[in-house]
C-alpha atoms as a PDB file:
ATOM      1  CA  MET A   1      28.825 -43.221 -28.708  1.00  0.00           C
ATOM      2  CA  ILE A   2      28.887 -45.241 -25.434  1.00  0.00           C
ATOM      3  CA  TRP A   3      32.156 -46.322 -23.657  1.00  0.00           C
ATOM      4  CA  VAL A   4      32.437 -49.396 -21.620  1.00  0.00           C
ATOM      5  CA  LYS A   5      34.303 -49.201 -18.347  1.00  0.00           C
ATOM      6  CA  ALA A   6      34.859 -51.755 -15.876  1.00  0.00           C
ATOM      7  CA  GLY A   7      31.719 -53.854 -17.184  1.00  0.00           C
ATOM      8  CA  ARG A   8      29.536 -50.621 -17.050  1.00  0.00           C
ATOM      9  CA  ALA A   9      28.316 -48.547 -20.126  1.00  0.00           C
ATOM     10  CA  ILE A  10      29.062 -44.845 -19.490  1.00  0.00           C
ATOM     11  CA  LEU A  11      28.564 -41.911 -21.579  1.00  0.00           C
ATOM     12  CA  PRO A  12      31.409 -39.649 -22.788  1.00  0.00           C
ATOM     13  CA  PRO A  13      31.422 -36.096 -21.185  1.00  0.00           C
ATOM     14  CA  VAL A  14      30.289 -34.582 -24.456  1.00  0.00           C
ATOM     15  CA  ALA A  15      27.428 -36.884 -24.649  1.00  0.00           C
ATOM     16  CA  ILE A  16      26.267 -36.099 -21.142  1.00  0.00           C
ATOM     17  CA  TYR A  17      26.700 -32.413 -21.751  1.00  0.00           C
ATOM     18  CA  ARG A  18      24.425 -32.912 -24.949  1.00  0.00           C
ATOM     19  CA  ARG A  19      21.866 -35.090 -23.119  1.00  0.00           C
ATOM     20  CA  SER A  20      21.465 -32.400 -20.214  1.00  0.00           C
ATOM     21  CA  PHE A  21      21.540 -29.309 -22.204  1.00  0.00           C
ATOM     22  CA  GLY A  22      20.985 -30.065 -25.813  1.00  0.00           C
ATOM     23  CA  SER A  23      23.764 -30.121 -28.543  1.00  0.00           C
ATOM     24  CA  VAL A  24      25.816 -27.044 -28.890  1.00  0.00           C
ATOM     25  CA  ILE A  25      24.972 -26.579 -32.540  1.00  0.00           C
ATOM     26  CA  GLY A  26      21.410 -26.821 -33.166  1.00  0.00           C
ATOM     27  CA  GLY A  27      19.545 -29.661 -31.870  1.00  0.00           C
ATOM     28  CA  ASN A  28      16.504 -29.645 -29.357  1.00  0.00           C
ATOM     29  CA  PRO A  29      16.495 -27.747 -26.328  1.00  0.00           C
ATOM     30  CA  PRO A  30      16.722 -30.028 -23.257  1.00  0.00           C
ATOM     31  CA  GLU A  31      13.764 -30.947 -21.155  1.00  0.00           C
ATOM     32  CA  ARG A  32      13.558 -28.904 -18.262  1.00  0.00           C
ATOM     33  CA  THR A  33      11.540 -29.635 -15.160  1.00  0.00           C
ATOM     34  CA  ALA A  34       9.298 -27.062 -13.741  1.00  0.00           C
ATOM     35  CA  MET A  35       9.283 -25.986 -10.114  1.00  0.00           C
ATOM     36  CA  ALA A  36       6.646 -27.417  -7.835  1.00  0.00           C
ATOM     37  CA  ASP A  37       3.275 -25.463  -8.139  1.00  0.00           C
ATOM     38  CA  THR A  38       3.359 -23.419  -4.970  1.00  0.00           C
ATOM     39  CA  PRO A  39       1.060 -20.467  -4.469  1.00  0.00           C
ATOM     40  CA  ARG A  40       3.161 -17.233  -4.187  1.00  0.00           C
ATOM     41  CA  LEU A  41       2.273 -14.224  -2.102  1.00  0.00           C
ATOM     42  CA  SER A  42       2.938 -10.665  -2.438  1.00  0.00           C
ATOM     43  CA  VAL A  43       5.247  -9.219   0.300  1.00  0.00           C
ATOM     44  CA  GLU A  44       2.186  -7.227   1.649  1.00  0.00           C
ATOM     45  CA  LYS A  45       0.203 -10.323   2.005  1.00  0.00           C
ATOM     46  CA  ALA A  46       2.990 -12.287   3.537  1.00  0.00           C
ATOM     47  CA  LEU A  47       3.637  -9.284   6.023  1.00  0.00           C
ATOM     48  CA  GLU A  48      -0.333  -9.159   6.825  1.00  0.00           C
ATOM     49  CA  LYS A  49      -0.225 -12.835   7.668  1.00  0.00           C
ATOM     50  CA  LEU A  50       2.857 -12.375   9.855  1.00  0.00           C
ATOM     51  CA  ARG A  51       1.168  -9.606  11.666  1.00  0.00           C
ATOM     52  CA  LYS A  52      -2.032 -11.408  12.183  1.00  0.00           C
ATOM     53  CA  SER A  53      -0.292 -14.309  13.986  1.00  0.00           C
ATOM     54  CA  ASP A  54       1.480 -11.888  16.211  1.00  0.00           C
ATOM     55  CA  ALA A  55      -1.661  -9.891  16.933  1.00  0.00           C
ATOM     56  CA  PRO A  56      -2.960 -10.391  20.646  1.00  0.00           C
ATOM     57  CA  ALA A  57      -6.134 -12.227  20.969  1.00  0.00           C
ATOM     58  CA  PRO A  58      -9.393 -10.011  20.795  1.00  0.00           C
ATOM     59  CA  LYS A  59     -10.391  -8.858  24.221  1.00  0.00           C
ATOM     60  CA  SER A  60     -13.828  -9.278  25.469  1.00  0.00           C
ATOM     61  CA  ARG A  61     -16.378  -6.218  26.192  1.00  0.00           C
ATOM     62  CA  THR A  62     -15.731  -6.533  29.811  1.00  0.00           C
ATOM     63  CA  GLU A  63     -11.801  -6.412  29.370  1.00  0.00           C
ATOM     64  CA  GLN A  64     -12.230  -3.379  27.032  1.00  0.00           C
ATOM     65  CA  ARG A  65     -14.303  -1.679  29.470  1.00  0.00           C
ATOM     66  CA  ALA A  66     -12.110  -2.407  32.409  1.00  0.00           C
ATOM     67  CA  GLU A  67      -9.081  -1.157  30.431  1.00  0.00           C
ATOM     68  CA  LYS A  68     -10.917   2.089  29.390  1.00  0.00           C
ATOM     69  CA  MET A  69     -11.935   2.718  33.034  1.00  0.00           C
ATOM     70  CA  ASP A  70      -8.220   2.307  34.247  1.00  0.00           C
ATOM     71  CA  ASP A  71      -7.022   4.805  31.667  1.00  0.00           C
ATOM     72  CA  LEU A  72      -9.842   7.315  32.725  1.00  0.00           C
ATOM     73  CA  ASP A  73      -8.671   6.725  36.367  1.00  0.00           C
ATOM     74  CA  GLU A  74      -5.134   7.333  35.555  1.00  0.00           C
ATOM     75  CA  GLU A  75      -6.142  10.501  33.767  1.00  0.00           C
ATOM     76  CA  ILE A  76      -8.243  11.713  36.687  1.00  0.00           C
ATOM     77  CA  ARG A  77      -5.511  11.068  39.032  1.00  0.00           C
ATOM     78  CA  ARG A  78      -2.917  13.029  36.784  1.00  0.00           C
ATOM     79  CA  MET A  79      -5.310  15.964  36.610  1.00  0.00           C
ATOM     80  CA  ARG A  80      -6.232  16.144  40.182  1.00  0.00           C
ATOM     81  CA  GLU A  81      -2.253  16.176  41.020  1.00  0.00           C
ATOM     82  CA  GLN A  82      -1.993  19.058  38.500  1.00  0.00           C
ATOM     83  CA  ARG A  83      -4.711  21.090  40.032  1.00  0.00           C
ATOM     84  CA  LEU A  84      -3.459  20.623  43.464  1.00  0.00           C
ATOM     85  CA  ARG A  85       0.105  21.903  42.238  1.00  0.00           C
ATOM     86  CA  LEU A  86      -1.642  24.856  40.766  1.00  0.00           C
ATOM     87  CA  GLU A  87      -3.428  25.657  43.892  1.00  0.00           C
ATOM     88  CA  ARG A  88      -0.583  25.239  46.191  1.00  0.00           C
ATOM     89  CA  HIS A  89       1.484  27.630  43.596  1.00  0.00           C
ATOM     90  CA  GLN A  90      -1.310  30.234  43.726  1.00  0.00           C
ATOM     91  CA  ARG A  91      -1.439  30.200  47.536  1.00  0.00           C
ATOM     92  CA  LYS A  92       2.383  31.081  47.670  1.00  0.00           C
ATOM     93  CA  GLY A  93       1.523  34.330  45.641  1.00  0.00           C
ATOM     94  CA  GLY A  94       3.706  33.602  42.660  1.00  0.00           C
ATOM     95  CA  PRO A  95       2.745  33.489  38.956  1.00  0.00           C
ATOM     96  CA  ALA A  96       1.068  30.331  37.788  1.00  0.00           C
ATOM     97  CA  PRO A  97       3.274  28.008  35.848  1.00  0.00           C
ATOM     98  CA  LYS A  98       2.641  27.261  32.340  1.00  0.00           C
END
């Protein structure tokens, strides 16, 4: 059934519904368009990709050594201060702090 309105052929609402979704009683199911084929990632892989992009650039051996030496120097300084505190406390004659 086709209606004509203002010189244009139009379909009645029921025909539009049947064309889009198939007839209510029997009939062929409507053709459905598939989504675009896009690769799907698991959540784990997606997080891994995000973490990789946020990770700092790898350091050269020289930078790694310098950083390690700085950490060791800091630890030596901390231990030296602790030793001096213990020696001062022992000279006063009191018990050593824990």
